[in-house]
Amino acid sequence: MADDQHEEVSKKVSAEEEIRRGITVMRRVVQGRSRGIILDVYWSNQGQLIEPNGHTLTSFIAALVRNEIPITCDDCRNKELNESKEKIWSEIKRCFNIEEERRGFCMKLAGKLLRGFQTFLSSKFLKDADGNFVDAELPKKYESLISAEEWEAFKSKRQDPVFQRISATNRERASSPAYPYRKGRVGYGRLEQSMLQKEESSETSLPAHVLWKEARVGKSGVPQEEVLHVYQKCEELSQSLSPDDTKGILSRALDVPEYSGRVRGKGFGVTPTSLSIKKGKAPSNRELHARLEAMQAELDALRREREASASTVYRDASDKDSINCTFQPNIPEGISHCQLYLSSPYYRMVGKGKVHNVSGVLLHTRELPAGCLKVSVDIAVEPNAALPYPSDDSDATTVHEAVGSFVAWPTNLICVGYETPTKSKSKDNAIPRHTESTVSRKELQENEVSNASAQQKKEVSNASARVKSSGAKKTVARKKPTTKYRSCLRTFLEMTDIPTRGVRTVHMEVGIFGFDYDQMIGNEDFMQVFSHEEIGVTVVNTYIRFLYDKLMRPNGLDVSFGFLAPATVNLGLILSRPDTVTEYVLRILMDNKDAEKLFFIPFNTGGHWLLLAINPIREIVYYLDSLGNDWTTYPDMKVLIDTVLQAFRAQRDIQTSRRGANSITWIKVACPQQRNQIDCGYFMLRFMRDTLALGRLKIPTDYFDEFKCAFYTKDQVDEIKEEWCQFMIKLNVCS
């Protein structure tokens, strides 16, 4: 009996004595701050904390967490901890030269370190050698950090049956890993840094599978055979998969699922989102000026190229036997994003992917068929569409089955970027009327959705120069918008499967575009807003849903204003299927023929957004283009709109004189002008927002006095983003 008591006491004492050093308080950092020494912090190309001072900052945050956050905390996102987290961040900034944008990383690291401290206390003081619970007293070493009440509450939480069950599951899962990590406390970020320094490489990052293999090499310096097998499989996959493959080579080699918000083989701090946003120091004014000159030279070259080939891009609109000219793709060398089309029974987009225009490239060790290029299929727009050349190796026969693999695709049906291929109408390939009539509106939206993604801005020309010389007026001082909704939505997004190719839907009721459907939205669409990229049709449509819900219906404006679907009315469809577009627009106008109404058409030309606002009763078309072009730039668009308004007039039995038969009025509005290659979509949305805010059916030729300016400021553009993000959060899109 005495021996048992002595053994129990000795266990408690040994637990106290096992860690002999004192509590880490990072006196060196604090004393250095007192002498005016502020430590610089460095980050990898992918946003991970590295040396010098990376380990010092981590230890400093751990010390702050032990002082400021109670060990009973279950969720660091609890609002009651905001004051403590603010104090932690304030102390970090006092001792380290760190950017504000790194706060999120530091708070996540603080949460990770808190969980580690809780696990340490539980393992060292509340369990015996066999893992059984021990009702230990508060360790004297931590009396200055932990109160007696807090310690008792912590012990109670650790004995909770629910916690015990979760702990047992996690412990079993981590007890015998197939490929154990062998680098101790050296994380992937610092491991990558040391490897690059050792190799004296000019690269800024290493492939995930290379890091993964090195992290599993122990002191012997020789990796296990199982690790080498996985590495060799990764090397083989890297030769056949695109570097931008969303699932990742390592996950495929290990044959395990990829978790949302995680990049396997990269470690803490790297997410799918952070990989697509390169962090770095802001360029100097000299660098920005050099870039601007290079971009301007490139734009001038593109303009000259377009002007030289203008005669082959558009034909006379009066030529009834031809719809534009046969599409001749200009596919650059290397790997490019592309759209994949089929020509039978009619031209339509069936998928998206990347074209590999590389000399000597093989498809599954075989030569490519004549007239074809190698493409990787990323997205199936029409899943059941048959592949032009079925894959023998993967047994794929449809676009859906080919997702994630390589196939051969005819060169004349590959569209690099976001322009839509068109065709000549002949007896062999004319579009039958019965075929057009059987295509659903949902199909139309999916087939031409990419026309609205504005990434090939060849129409920019010298718009920037025109704005600079126009004598920009000062805009009225406005309250600077915050980024809180963008930050909040981005945080929600990272906790879902959306960054790893998950999708959600936003319901578009019949009152918006005249037909009911669910708008699909994915990570690419969110990133357009977060990263200030050219916005596509999905962002435009969902912002229109916001205008409809927040400005139109609550104020009774749905009887005075309406929208036409940009996925159905765009230059690509006007050129390839004008009858379908005419039928849709005329149907919407006839459904509203008894009242004066202004219809907005967010119009995409294949590389640029502009706004048409049509008053069909008065036969007025307002043309708002943030590049300063007029409607003569797009003759096919004007011909179709005029034709629709004339048909609308005829179906209403409105009698006009012969002179007045063609009296449709087009008004070019002197609207704000964009100053870069990206903002056309945001400007177009702002035009609609301004008009609805005033509720006026007439748009002045020099724009509304209340919103008149030479250009929208960054803050005004950010308002659109914040409204969209707030609306997405309200719709619970990330659930």
Foldseek 3Di string as FASTA:
>chain_A
DVVVVVVVVVLQVCLLPVDPDADDQLVVLVVCLVVVDAAEWDAFQLGHTEDDVSVVLLSNLLNLLLQQPFLLDDDLVPPVCVVSLVVSVVVNVSRYVDDPVCSVQSSVSSVVSSVVVLVVCCVRRQQGPVGHGDPGADRPSCCVRHPRVSVVSSSVVCPDPVNVVVVVVVCVVPVDDPQDFAPPPDWLRHLQVVVCVVVVDPDRGDALLVLSQVRRQHPVRDHDPVSVQLSVQLVVVPVFFDPVQLQGSSCVSVVHGDDFQDDHSRGPPGGLVSVVDGDDDDDDPVVVVVVVVVVLVVLQVLLVVCVVCVCQQADDPVPPQWLGAFDDADDDAAKFKKFFWDPPLHTFTFFIWIWHRYPPDAFVPHRAPPQKTKTATAGTLNFADFAPFQDPVQRDGTSVSRHRGIDIGHPSRIHGAFAAGAYGADPVRHNDPVNLVPQDPVSLLSRRQSLFQADPLSVLNVLLVVLVVPPWDDDDDDDFDDCVLLVVLVVLQSNFCQSSVDKFWDWDDCLAANHTDTQIDGPVQSCCLVVVFAHTLSLVVLLSVLCCVPQPVVVVNSLAEHEHRQSLAEQNCLSHPVVSSLVSVLVVCVVNVPDFHWYWYQYGHSNFTWIWIAGLVVLEIETGFQSPDDCVVPVSNVVSVQVSSLVSCVVVVPDDDPVCSSVRHYAYALAAHDNDRHCRSLSRSVLVVVCSVVSDSDADSPGDPVGHINHDDPSSSVVSSSSSSVVCVVVVRSD
